[in-house]
PDB file of all heavy atoms in Angstrom:
ATOM      1  N   TYR A   1     -53.377 -32.906 -19.004  1.00  0.00           N
ATOM      2  CA  TYR A   1     -53.431 -32.827 -17.543  1.00  0.00           C
ATOM      3  C   TYR A   1     -52.746 -31.546 -17.073  1.00  0.00           C
ATOM      4  O   TYR A   1     -51.585 -31.295 -17.391  1.00  0.00           O
ATOM      5  CB  TYR A   1     -52.754 -34.058 -16.939  1.00  0.00           C
ATOM      6  CG  TYR A   1     -52.653 -34.063 -15.442  1.00  0.00           C
ATOM      7  CD1 TYR A   1     -53.741 -33.743 -14.636  1.00  0.00           C
ATOM      8  CD2 TYR A   1     -51.472 -34.419 -14.808  1.00  0.00           C
ATOM      9  CE1 TYR A   1     -53.652 -33.767 -13.248  1.00  0.00           C
ATOM     10  CE2 TYR A   1     -51.368 -34.446 -13.428  1.00  0.00           C
ATOM     11  CZ  TYR A   1     -52.461 -34.110 -12.664  1.00  0.00           C
ATOM     12  OH  TYR A   1     -52.349 -34.127 -11.295  1.00  0.00           O
ATOM     13  N   ASP A   2     -53.453 -30.745 -16.318  1.00  0.00           N
ATOM     14  CA  ASP A   2     -52.907 -29.500 -15.782  1.00  0.00           C
ATOM     15  C   ASP A   2     -52.194 -29.814 -14.462  1.00  0.00           C
ATOM     16  O   ASP A   2     -52.699 -29.521 -13.382  1.00  0.00           O
ATOM     17  CB  ASP A   2     -54.036 -28.481 -15.588  1.00  0.00           C
ATOM     18  CG  ASP A   2     -53.513 -27.106 -15.225  1.00  0.00           C
ATOM     19  OD1 ASP A   2     -52.328 -26.828 -15.487  1.00  0.00           O
ATOM     20  OD2 ASP A   2     -54.293 -26.318 -14.660  1.00  0.00           O
ATOM     21  N   ALA A   3     -51.046 -30.415 -14.579  1.00  0.00           N
ATOM     22  CA  ALA A   3     -50.291 -30.846 -13.399  1.00  0.00           C
ATOM     23  C   ALA A   3     -49.751 -29.641 -12.636  1.00  0.00           C
ATOM     24  O   ALA A   3     -49.426 -28.616 -13.247  1.00  0.00           O
ATOM     25  CB  ALA A   3     -49.134 -31.748 -13.820  1.00  0.00           C
ATOM     26  N   PRO A   4     -49.647 -29.747 -11.307  1.00  0.00           N
ATOM     27  CA  PRO A   4     -49.060 -28.657 -10.529  1.00  0.00           C
ATOM     28  C   PRO A   4     -47.646 -28.344 -11.034  1.00  0.00           C
ATOM     29  O   PRO A   4     -46.854 -29.255 -11.243  1.00  0.00           O
ATOM     30  CB  PRO A   4     -49.010 -29.210  -9.110  1.00  0.00           C
ATOM     31  CG  PRO A   4     -49.992 -30.333  -9.092  1.00  0.00           C
ATOM     32  CD  PRO A   4     -50.032 -30.887 -10.487  1.00  0.00           C
ATOM     33  N   GLY A   5     -47.373 -27.076 -11.285  1.00  0.00           N
ATOM     34  CA  GLY A   5     -46.039 -26.676 -11.725  1.00  0.00           C
ATOM     35  C   GLY A   5     -45.766 -26.877 -13.199  1.00  0.00           C
ATOM     36  O   GLY A   5     -44.629 -26.754 -13.637  1.00  0.00           O
ATOM     37  N   SER A   6     -46.799 -27.202 -13.984  1.00  0.00           N
ATOM     38  CA  SER A   6     -46.562 -27.428 -15.411  1.00  0.00           C
ATOM     39  C   SER A   6     -46.727 -26.151 -16.230  1.00  0.00           C
ATOM     40  O   SER A   6     -46.554 -26.163 -17.444  1.00  0.00           O
ATOM     41  CB  SER A   6     -47.501 -28.513 -15.952  1.00  0.00           C
ATOM     42  OG  SER A   6     -48.852 -28.095 -15.881  1.00  0.00           O
ATOM     43  N   SER A   7     -47.005 -25.039 -15.574  1.00  0.00           N
ATOM     44  CA  SER A   7     -47.196 -23.774 -16.288  1.00  0.00           C
ATOM     45  C   SER A   7     -45.847 -23.155 -16.655  1.00  0.00           C
ATOM     46  O   SER A   7     -44.796 -23.531 -16.141  1.00  0.00           O
ATOM     47  CB  SER A   7     -48.009 -22.811 -15.432  1.00  0.00           C
ATOM     48  OG  SER A   7     -47.319 -22.542 -14.233  1.00  0.00           O
ATOM     49  N   VAL A   8     -45.908 -22.187 -17.531  1.00  0.00           N
ATOM     50  CA  VAL A   8     -44.722 -21.529 -18.067  1.00  0.00           C
ATOM     51  C   VAL A   8     -43.804 -20.952 -16.998  1.00  0.00           C
ATOM     52  O   VAL A   8     -42.594 -20.954 -17.157  1.00  0.00           O
ATOM     53  CB  VAL A   8     -45.179 -20.418 -19.049  1.00  0.00           C
ATOM     54  CG1 VAL A   8     -44.120 -19.378 -19.287  1.00  0.00           C
ATOM     55  CG2 VAL A   8     -45.613 -21.042 -20.354  1.00  0.00           C
ATOM     56  N   GLU A   9     -44.368 -20.476 -15.897  1.00  0.00           N
ATOM     57  CA  GLU A   9     -43.544 -19.831 -14.876  1.00  0.00           C
ATOM     58  C   GLU A   9     -42.529 -20.768 -14.245  1.00  0.00           C
ATOM     59  O   GLU A   9     -41.508 -20.338 -13.742  1.00  0.00           O
ATOM     60  CB  GLU A   9     -44.422 -19.247 -13.758  1.00  0.00           C
ATOM     61  CG  GLU A   9     -45.342 -18.151 -14.208  1.00  0.00           C
ATOM     62  CD  GLU A   9     -46.642 -18.688 -14.795  1.00  0.00           C
ATOM     63  OE1 GLU A   9     -46.976 -19.869 -14.587  1.00  0.00           O
ATOM     64  OE2 GLU A   9     -47.311 -17.912 -15.483  1.00  0.00           O
ATOM     65  N   ARG A  10     -42.800 -22.050 -14.258  1.00  0.00           N
ATOM     66  CA  ARG A  10     -41.950 -22.987 -13.530  1.00  0.00           C
ATOM     67  C   ARG A  10     -41.401 -24.110 -14.390  1.00  0.00           C
ATOM     68  O   ARG A  10     -40.366 -24.686 -14.084  1.00  0.00           O
ATOM     69  CB  ARG A  10     -42.775 -23.581 -12.387  1.00  0.00           C
ATOM     70  CG  ARG A  10     -41.895 -24.040 -11.286  1.00  0.00           C
ATOM     71  CD  ARG A  10     -42.592 -24.205  -9.985  1.00  0.00           C
ATOM     72  NE  ARG A  10     -41.754 -25.113  -9.228  1.00  0.00           N
ATOM     73  CZ  ARG A  10     -42.180 -26.115  -8.525  1.00  0.00           C
ATOM     74  NH1 ARG A  10     -43.454 -26.329  -8.402  1.00  0.00           N
ATOM     75  NH2 ARG A  10     -41.340 -26.887  -7.909  1.00  0.00           N
ATOM     76  N   ALA A  11     -42.085 -24.444 -15.479  1.00  0.00           N
ATOM     77  CA  ALA A  11     -41.712 -25.601 -16.298  1.00  0.00           C
ATOM     78  C   ALA A  11     -40.836 -25.191 -17.475  1.00  0.00           C
ATOM     79  O   ALA A  11     -41.118 -24.214 -18.161  1.00  0.00           O
ATOM     80  CB  ALA A  11     -42.972 -26.304 -16.794  1.00  0.00           C
ATOM     81  N   HIS A  12     -39.780 -25.959 -17.694  1.00  0.00           N
ATOM     82  CA  HIS A  12     -38.884 -25.776 -18.830  1.00  0.00           C
ATOM     83  C   HIS A  12     -38.915 -27.070 -19.629  1.00  0.00           C
ATOM     84  O   HIS A  12     -38.506 -28.126 -19.119  1.00  0.00           O
ATOM     85  CB  HIS A  12     -37.464 -25.462 -18.354  1.00  0.00           C
ATOM     86  CG  HIS A  12     -37.388 -24.181 -17.588  1.00  0.00           C
ATOM     87  ND1 HIS A  12     -37.005 -22.996 -18.159  1.00  0.00           N
ATOM     88  CD2 HIS A  12     -37.703 -23.900 -16.294  1.00  0.00           C
ATOM     89  CE1 HIS A  12     -37.063 -22.033 -17.257  1.00  0.00           C
ATOM     90  NE2 HIS A  12     -37.494 -22.558 -16.120  1.00  0.00           N
ATOM     91  N   LEU A  13     -39.432 -26.993 -20.852  1.00  0.00           N
ATOM     92  CA  LEU A  13     -39.574 -28.192 -21.668  1.00  0.00           C
ATOM     93  C   LEU A  13     -38.210 -28.824 -21.942  1.00  0.00           C
ATOM     94  O   LEU A  13     -37.251 -28.126 -22.294  1.00  0.00           O
ATOM     95  CB  LEU A  13     -40.276 -27.866 -22.986  1.00  0.00           C
ATOM     96  CG  LEU A  13     -41.716 -27.376 -22.870  1.00  0.00           C
ATOM     97  CD1 LEU A  13     -42.248 -26.974 -24.247  1.00  0.00           C
ATOM     98  CD2 LEU A  13     -42.600 -28.442 -22.236  1.00  0.00           C
ATOM     99  N   LEU A  14     -38.137 -30.139 -21.783  1.00  0.00           N
ATOM    100  CA  LEU A  14     -36.865 -30.841 -21.957  1.00  0.00           C
ATOM    101  C   LEU A  14     -36.310 -30.643 -23.365  1.00  0.00           C
ATOM    102  O   LEU A  14     -35.099 -30.454 -23.523  1.00  0.00           O
ATOM    103  CB  LEU A  14     -37.025 -32.331 -21.633  1.00  0.00           C
ATOM    104  CG  LEU A  14     -35.759 -33.182 -21.774  1.00  0.00           C
ATOM    105  CD1 LEU A  14     -34.612 -32.641 -20.924  1.00  0.00           C
ATOM    106  CD2 LEU A  14     -36.062 -34.632 -21.418  1.00  0.00           C
ATOM    107  N   ALA A  15     -37.148 -30.665 -24.385  1.00  0.00           N
ATOM    108  CA  ALA A  15     -36.663 -30.462 -25.756  1.00  0.00           C
ATOM    109  C   ALA A  15     -36.010 -29.082 -25.894  1.00  0.00           C
ATOM    110  O   ALA A  15     -34.980 -28.936 -26.572  1.00  0.00           O
ATOM    111  CB  ALA A  15     -37.803 -30.626 -26.754  1.00  0.00           C
ATOM    112  N   ASP A  16     -36.578 -28.064 -25.250  1.00  0.00           N
ATOM    113  CA  ASP A  16     -35.993 -26.719 -25.287  1.00  0.00           C
ATOM    114  C   ASP A  16     -34.671 -26.670 -24.515  1.00  0.00           C
ATOM    115  O   ASP A  16     -33.716 -26.016 -24.948  1.00  0.00           O
ATOM    116  CB  ASP A  16     -36.953 -25.689 -24.689  1.00  0.00           C
ATOM    117  CG  ASP A  16     -38.185 -25.455 -25.553  1.00  0.00           C
ATOM    118  OD1 ASP A  16     -38.195 -25.864 -26.730  1.00  0.00           O
ATOM    119  OD2 ASP A  16     -39.151 -24.864 -25.027  1.00  0.00           O
ATOM    120  N   VAL A  17     -34.620 -27.359 -23.388  1.00  0.00           N
ATOM    121  CA  VAL A  17     -33.382 -27.412 -22.595  1.00  0.00           C
ATOM    122  C   VAL A  17     -32.268 -28.032 -23.436  1.00  0.00           C
ATOM    123  O   VAL A  17     -31.142 -27.508 -23.491  1.00  0.00           O
ATOM    124  CB  VAL A  17     -33.601 -28.197 -21.283  1.00  0.00           C
ATOM    125  CG1 VAL A  17     -32.281 -28.452 -20.569  1.00  0.00           C
ATOM    126  CG2 VAL A  17     -34.571 -27.452 -20.374  1.00  0.00           C
ATOM    127  N   ILE A  18     -32.571 -29.120 -24.120  1.00  0.00           N
ATOM    128  CA  ILE A  18     -31.582 -29.785 -24.980  1.00  0.00           C
ATOM    129  C   ILE A  18     -31.114 -28.827 -26.076  1.00  0.00           C
ATOM    130  O   ILE A  18     -29.906 -28.678 -26.313  1.00  0.00           O
ATOM    131  CB  ILE A  18     -32.177 -31.086 -25.570  1.00  0.00           C
ATOM    132  CG1 ILE A  18     -32.324 -32.132 -24.455  1.00  0.00           C
ATOM    133  CG2 ILE A  18     -31.309 -31.614 -26.714  1.00  0.00           C
ATOM    134  CD1 ILE A  18     -33.133 -33.362 -24.847  1.00  0.00           C
ATOM    135  N   ASP A  19     -32.048 -28.156 -26.746  1.00  0.00           N
ATOM    136  CA  ASP A  19     -31.674 -27.211 -27.808  1.00  0.00           C
ATOM    137  C   ASP A  19     -30.824 -26.069 -27.265  1.00  0.00           C
ATOM    138  O   ASP A  19     -29.826 -25.678 -27.888  1.00  0.00           O
ATOM    139  CB  ASP A  19     -32.924 -26.633 -28.480  1.00  0.00           C
ATOM    140  CG  ASP A  19     -33.622 -27.629 -29.396  1.00  0.00           C
ATOM    141  OD1 ASP A  19     -33.028 -28.682 -29.712  1.00  0.00           O
ATOM    142  OD2 ASP A  19     -34.766 -27.344 -29.785  1.00  0.00           O
ATOM    143  N   ASN A  20     -31.194 -25.521 -26.111  1.00  0.00           N
ATOM    144  CA  ASN A  20     -30.436 -24.411 -25.526  1.00  0.00           C
ATOM    145  C   ASN A  20     -29.006 -24.822 -25.190  1.00  0.00           C
ATOM    146  O   ASN A  20     -28.058 -24.079 -25.447  1.00  0.00           O
ATOM    147  CB  ASN A  20     -31.138 -23.884 -24.275  1.00  0.00           C
ATOM    148  CG  ASN A  20     -32.427 -23.161 -24.598  1.00  0.00           C
ATOM    149  OD1 ASN A  20     -32.612 -22.653 -25.708  1.00  0.00           O
ATOM    150  ND2 ASN A  20     -33.336 -23.134 -23.638  1.00  0.00           N
ATOM    151  N   LEU A  21     -28.837 -26.015 -24.622  1.00  0.00           N
ATOM    152  CA  LEU A  21     -27.498 -26.487 -24.269  1.00  0.00           C
ATOM    153  C   LEU A  21     -26.680 -26.843 -25.506  1.00  0.00           C
ATOM    154  O   LEU A  21     -25.454 -26.695 -25.505  1.00  0.00           O
ATOM    155  CB  LEU A  21     -27.582 -27.685 -23.323  1.00  0.00           C
ATOM    156  CG  LEU A  21     -28.098 -27.368 -21.923  1.00  0.00           C
ATOM    157  CD1 LEU A  21     -28.323 -28.654 -21.137  1.00  0.00           C
ATOM    158  CD2 LEU A  21     -27.147 -26.436 -21.189  1.00  0.00           C
ATOM    159  N   ALA A  22     -27.336 -27.305 -26.562  1.00  0.00           N
ATOM    160  CA  ALA A  22     -26.629 -27.611 -27.810  1.00  0.00           C
ATOM    161  C   ALA A  22     -26.086 -26.324 -28.443  1.00  0.00           C
ATOM    162  O   ALA A  22     -25.023 -26.332 -29.065  1.00  0.00           O
ATOM    163  CB  ALA A  22     -27.558 -28.343 -28.777  1.00  0.00           C
ATOM    164  N   MET A  23     -26.799 -25.206 -28.258  1.00  0.00           N
ATOM    165  CA  MET A  23     -26.352 -23.907 -28.795  1.00  0.00           C
ATOM    166  C   MET A  23     -25.287 -23.262 -27.918  1.00  0.00           C
ATOM    167  O   MET A  23     -24.382 -22.605 -28.405  1.00  0.00           O
ATOM    168  CB  MET A  23     -27.538 -22.948 -28.917  1.00  0.00           C
ATOM    169  CG  MET A  23     -28.444 -23.243 -30.076  1.00  0.00           C
ATOM    170  SD  MET A  23     -29.683 -21.959 -30.305  1.00  0.00           S
ATOM    171  CE  MET A  23     -30.660 -22.110 -28.818  1.00  0.00           C
ATOM    172  N   ASP A  24     -25.425 -23.444 -26.587  1.00  0.00           N
ATOM    173  CA  ASP A  24     -24.532 -22.783 -25.635  1.00  0.00           C
ATOM    174  C   ASP A  24     -24.390 -23.676 -24.412  1.00  0.00           C
ATOM    175  O   ASP A  24     -25.338 -23.830 -23.629  1.00  0.00           O
ATOM    176  CB  ASP A  24     -25.110 -21.418 -25.246  1.00  0.00           C
ATOM    177  CG  ASP A  24     -24.244 -20.656 -24.252  1.00  0.00           C
ATOM    178  OD1 ASP A  24     -23.259 -21.222 -23.722  1.00  0.00           O
ATOM    179  OD2 ASP A  24     -24.566 -19.491 -23.997  1.00  0.00           O
ATOM    180  N   SER A  25     -23.214 -24.244 -24.242  1.00  0.00           N
ATOM    181  CA  SER A  25     -22.978 -25.214 -23.171  1.00  0.00           C
ATOM    182  C   SER A  25     -23.294 -24.683 -21.780  1.00  0.00           C
ATOM    183  O   SER A  25     -23.689 -25.431 -20.895  1.00  0.00           O
ATOM    184  CB  SER A  25     -21.529 -25.692 -23.213  1.00  0.00           C
ATOM    185  OG  SER A  25     -21.275 -26.605 -22.170  1.00  0.00           O
ATOM    186  N   THR A  26     -23.127 -23.390 -21.587  1.00  0.00           N
ATOM    187  CA  THR A  26     -23.339 -22.813 -20.253  1.00  0.00           C
ATOM    188  C   THR A  26     -24.602 -21.953 -20.195  1.00  0.00           C
ATOM    189  O   THR A  26     -24.721 -21.064 -19.341  1.00  0.00           O
ATOM    190  CB  THR A  26     -22.115 -21.991 -19.809  1.00  0.00           C
ATOM    191  OG1 THR A  26     -21.887 -20.949 -20.771  1.00  0.00           O
ATOM    192  CG2 THR A  26     -20.869 -22.868 -19.687  1.00  0.00           C
ATOM    193  N   PHE A  27     -25.546 -22.227 -21.060  1.00  0.00           N
ATOM    194  CA  PHE A  27     -26.778 -21.451 -21.158  1.00  0.00           C
ATOM    195  C   PHE A  27     -27.436 -21.242 -19.798  1.00  0.00           C
ATOM    196  O   PHE A  27     -27.791 -20.132 -19.440  1.00  0.00           O
ATOM    197  CB  PHE A  27     -27.753 -22.165 -22.110  1.00  0.00           C
ATOM    198  CG  PHE A  27     -29.030 -21.413 -22.352  1.00  0.00           C
ATOM    199  CD1 PHE A  27     -29.118 -20.484 -23.375  1.00  0.00           C
ATOM    200  CD2 PHE A  27     -30.158 -21.647 -21.581  1.00  0.00           C
ATOM    201  CE1 PHE A  27     -30.295 -19.787 -23.616  1.00  0.00           C
ATOM    202  CE2 PHE A  27     -31.348 -20.956 -21.805  1.00  0.00           C
ATOM    203  CZ  PHE A  27     -31.403 -20.026 -22.829  1.00  0.00           C
ATOM    204  N   TYR A  28     -27.583 -22.321 -19.014  1.00  0.00           N
ATOM    205  CA  TYR A  28     -28.331 -22.225 -17.749  1.00  0.00           C
ATOM    206  C   TYR A  28     -27.502 -21.677 -16.589  1.00  0.00           C
ATOM    207  O   TYR A  28     -28.055 -21.362 -15.537  1.00  0.00           O
ATOM    208  CB  TYR A  28     -28.992 -23.561 -17.407  1.00  0.00           C
ATOM    209  CG  TYR A  28     -30.107 -23.831 -18.385  1.00  0.00           C
ATOM    210  CD1 TYR A  28     -29.945 -24.702 -19.447  1.00  0.00           C
ATOM    211  CD2 TYR A  28     -31.313 -23.146 -18.291  1.00  0.00           C
ATOM    212  CE1 TYR A  28     -30.963 -24.907 -20.371  1.00  0.00           C
ATOM    213  CE2 TYR A  28     -32.333 -23.332 -19.210  1.00  0.00           C
ATOM    214  CZ  TYR A  28     -32.150 -24.210 -20.245  1.00  0.00           C
ATOM    215  OH  TYR A  28     -33.147 -24.385 -21.162  1.00  0.00           O
ATOM    216  N   GLN A  29     -26.204 -21.531 -16.784  1.00  0.00           N
ATOM    217  CA  GLN A  29     -25.409 -20.835 -15.772  1.00  0.00           C
ATOM    218  C   GLN A  29     -25.505 -19.321 -15.971  1.00  0.00           C
ATOM    219  O   GLN A  29     -25.361 -18.555 -15.025  1.00  0.00           O
ATOM    220  CB  GLN A  29     -23.928 -21.247 -15.845  1.00  0.00           C
ATOM    221  CG  GLN A  29     -23.632 -22.579 -15.189  1.00  0.00           C
ATOM    222  CD  GLN A  29     -24.011 -23.746 -16.086  1.00  0.00           C
ATOM    223  OE1 GLN A  29     -23.656 -23.788 -17.245  1.00  0.00           O
ATOM    224  NE2 GLN A  29     -24.735 -24.703 -15.550  1.00  0.00           N
ATOM    225  N   LYS A  30     -25.769 -18.878 -17.211  1.00  0.00           N
ATOM    226  CA  LYS A  30     -25.768 -17.453 -17.545  1.00  0.00           C
ATOM    227  C   LYS A  30     -27.156 -16.834 -17.600  1.00  0.00           C
ATOM    228  O   LYS A  30     -27.294 -15.640 -17.356  1.00  0.00           O
ATOM    229  CB  LYS A  30     -25.099 -17.247 -18.908  1.00  0.00           C
ATOM    230  CG  LYS A  30     -23.653 -17.666 -18.943  1.00  0.00           C
ATOM    231  CD  LYS A  30     -22.988 -17.332 -20.259  1.00  0.00           C
ATOM    232  CE  LYS A  30     -23.385 -18.268 -21.342  1.00  0.00           C
ATOM    233  NZ  LYS A  30     -22.574 -18.169 -22.552  1.00  0.00           N
ATOM    234  N   ARG A  31     -28.145 -17.617 -17.915  1.00  0.00           N
ATOM    235  CA  ARG A  31     -29.479 -17.067 -18.172  1.00  0.00           C
ATOM    236  C   ARG A  31     -30.200 -16.702 -16.880  1.00  0.00           C
ATOM    237  O   ARG A  31     -30.137 -17.434 -15.895  1.00  0.00           O
ATOM    238  CB  ARG A  31     -30.323 -18.102 -18.918  1.00  0.00           C
ATOM    239  CG  ARG A  31     -31.654 -17.534 -19.373  1.00  0.00           C
ATOM    240  CD  ARG A  31     -32.412 -18.568 -20.190  1.00  0.00           C
ATOM    241  NE  ARG A  31     -33.604 -18.025 -20.795  1.00  0.00           N
ATOM    242  CZ  ARG A  31     -34.739 -17.783 -20.131  1.00  0.00           C
ATOM    243  NH1 ARG A  31     -34.820 -18.022 -18.851  1.00  0.00           N
ATOM    244  NH2 ARG A  31     -35.781 -17.295 -20.760  1.00  0.00           N
ATOM    245  N   ALA A  32     -30.890 -15.572 -16.906  1.00  0.00           N
ATOM    246  CA  ALA A  32     -31.766 -15.216 -15.787  1.00  0.00           C
ATOM    247  C   ALA A  32     -33.001 -16.116 -15.877  1.00  0.00           C
ATOM    248  O   ALA A  32     -33.603 -16.248 -16.942  1.00  0.00           O
ATOM    249  CB  ALA A  32     -32.179 -13.755 -15.877  1.00  0.00           C
ATOM    250  N   LEU A  33     -33.330 -16.775 -14.790  1.00  0.00           N
ATOM    251  CA  LEU A  33     -34.492 -17.659 -14.753  1.00  0.00           C
ATOM    252  C   LEU A  33     -35.490 -17.122 -13.730  1.00  0.00           C
ATOM    253  O   LEU A  33     -35.179 -17.030 -12.548  1.00  0.00           O
ATOM    254  CB  LEU A  33     -34.080 -19.088 -14.364  1.00  0.00           C
ATOM    255  CG  LEU A  33     -33.162 -19.811 -15.346  1.00  0.00           C
ATOM    256  CD1 LEU A  33     -32.648 -21.110 -14.739  1.00  0.00           C
ATOM    257  CD2 LEU A  33     -33.894 -20.087 -16.654  1.00  0.00           C
ATOM    258  N   THR A  34     -36.658 -16.756 -14.204  1.00  0.00           N
ATOM    259  CA  THR A  34     -37.689 -16.294 -13.282  1.00  0.00           C
ATOM    260  C   THR A  34     -38.495 -17.485 -12.793  1.00  0.00           C
ATOM    261  O   THR A  34     -38.612 -18.497 -13.486  1.00  0.00           O
ATOM    262  CB  THR A  34     -38.626 -15.277 -13.961  1.00  0.00           C
ATOM    263  OG1 THR A  34     -39.206 -15.889 -15.113  1.00  0.00           O
ATOM    264  CG2 THR A  34     -37.879 -14.029 -14.378  1.00  0.00           C
ATOM    265  N   PHE A  35     -39.023 -17.378 -11.587  1.00  0.00           N
ATOM    266  CA  PHE A  35     -39.824 -18.457 -11.024  1.00  0.00           C
ATOM    267  C   PHE A  35     -40.726 -17.880  -9.948  1.00  0.00           C
ATOM    268  O   PHE A  35     -40.387 -16.889  -9.308  1.00  0.00           O
ATOM    269  CB  PHE A  35     -38.944 -19.582 -10.457  1.00  0.00           C
ATOM    270  CG  PHE A  35     -37.916 -19.125  -9.463  1.00  0.00           C
ATOM    271  CD1 PHE A  35     -38.207 -19.092  -8.107  1.00  0.00           C
ATOM    272  CD2 PHE A  35     -36.658 -18.729  -9.884  1.00  0.00           C
ATOM    273  CE1 PHE A  35     -37.267 -18.666  -7.194  1.00  0.00           C
ATOM    274  CE2 PHE A  35     -35.705 -18.293  -8.970  1.00  0.00           C
ATOM    275  CZ  PHE A  35     -36.008 -18.268  -7.622  1.00  0.00           C
ATOM    276  N   PRO A  36     -41.889 -18.496  -9.762  1.00  0.00           N
ATOM    277  CA  PRO A  36     -42.812 -18.015  -8.732  1.00  0.00           C
ATOM    278  C   PRO A  36     -42.427 -18.538  -7.352  1.00  0.00           C
ATOM    279  O   PRO A  36     -41.863 -19.622  -7.222  1.00  0.00           O
ATOM    280  CB  PRO A  36     -44.161 -18.597  -9.173  1.00  0.00           C
ATOM    281  CG  PRO A  36     -43.787 -19.865  -9.882  1.00  0.00           C
ATOM    282  CD  PRO A  36     -42.459 -19.597 -10.542  1.00  0.00           C
ATOM    283  N   LEU A  37     -42.738 -17.759  -6.346  1.00  0.00           N
ATOM    284  CA  LEU A  37     -42.555 -18.172  -4.952  1.00  0.00           C
ATOM    285  C   LEU A  37     -43.814 -17.814  -4.172  1.00  0.00           C
ATOM    286  O   LEU A  37     -44.385 -16.748  -4.371  1.00  0.00           O
ATOM    287  CB  LEU A  37     -41.364 -17.443  -4.315  1.00  0.00           C
ATOM    288  CG  LEU A  37     -39.977 -17.885  -4.712  1.00  0.00           C
ATOM    289  CD1 LEU A  37     -38.945 -16.945  -4.117  1.00  0.00           C
ATOM    290  CD2 LEU A  37     -39.718 -19.307  -4.246  1.00  0.00           C
TER     291      LEU A  37
END
């Protein structure tokens, strides 16, 4: 299903989020996150 907002520009896979936080607790406070507007 091609759900609205499921594309790479906006969606962050939960499994990847878990892996990123396991490697670096503050990953999402430091990382530049691009998004469409």
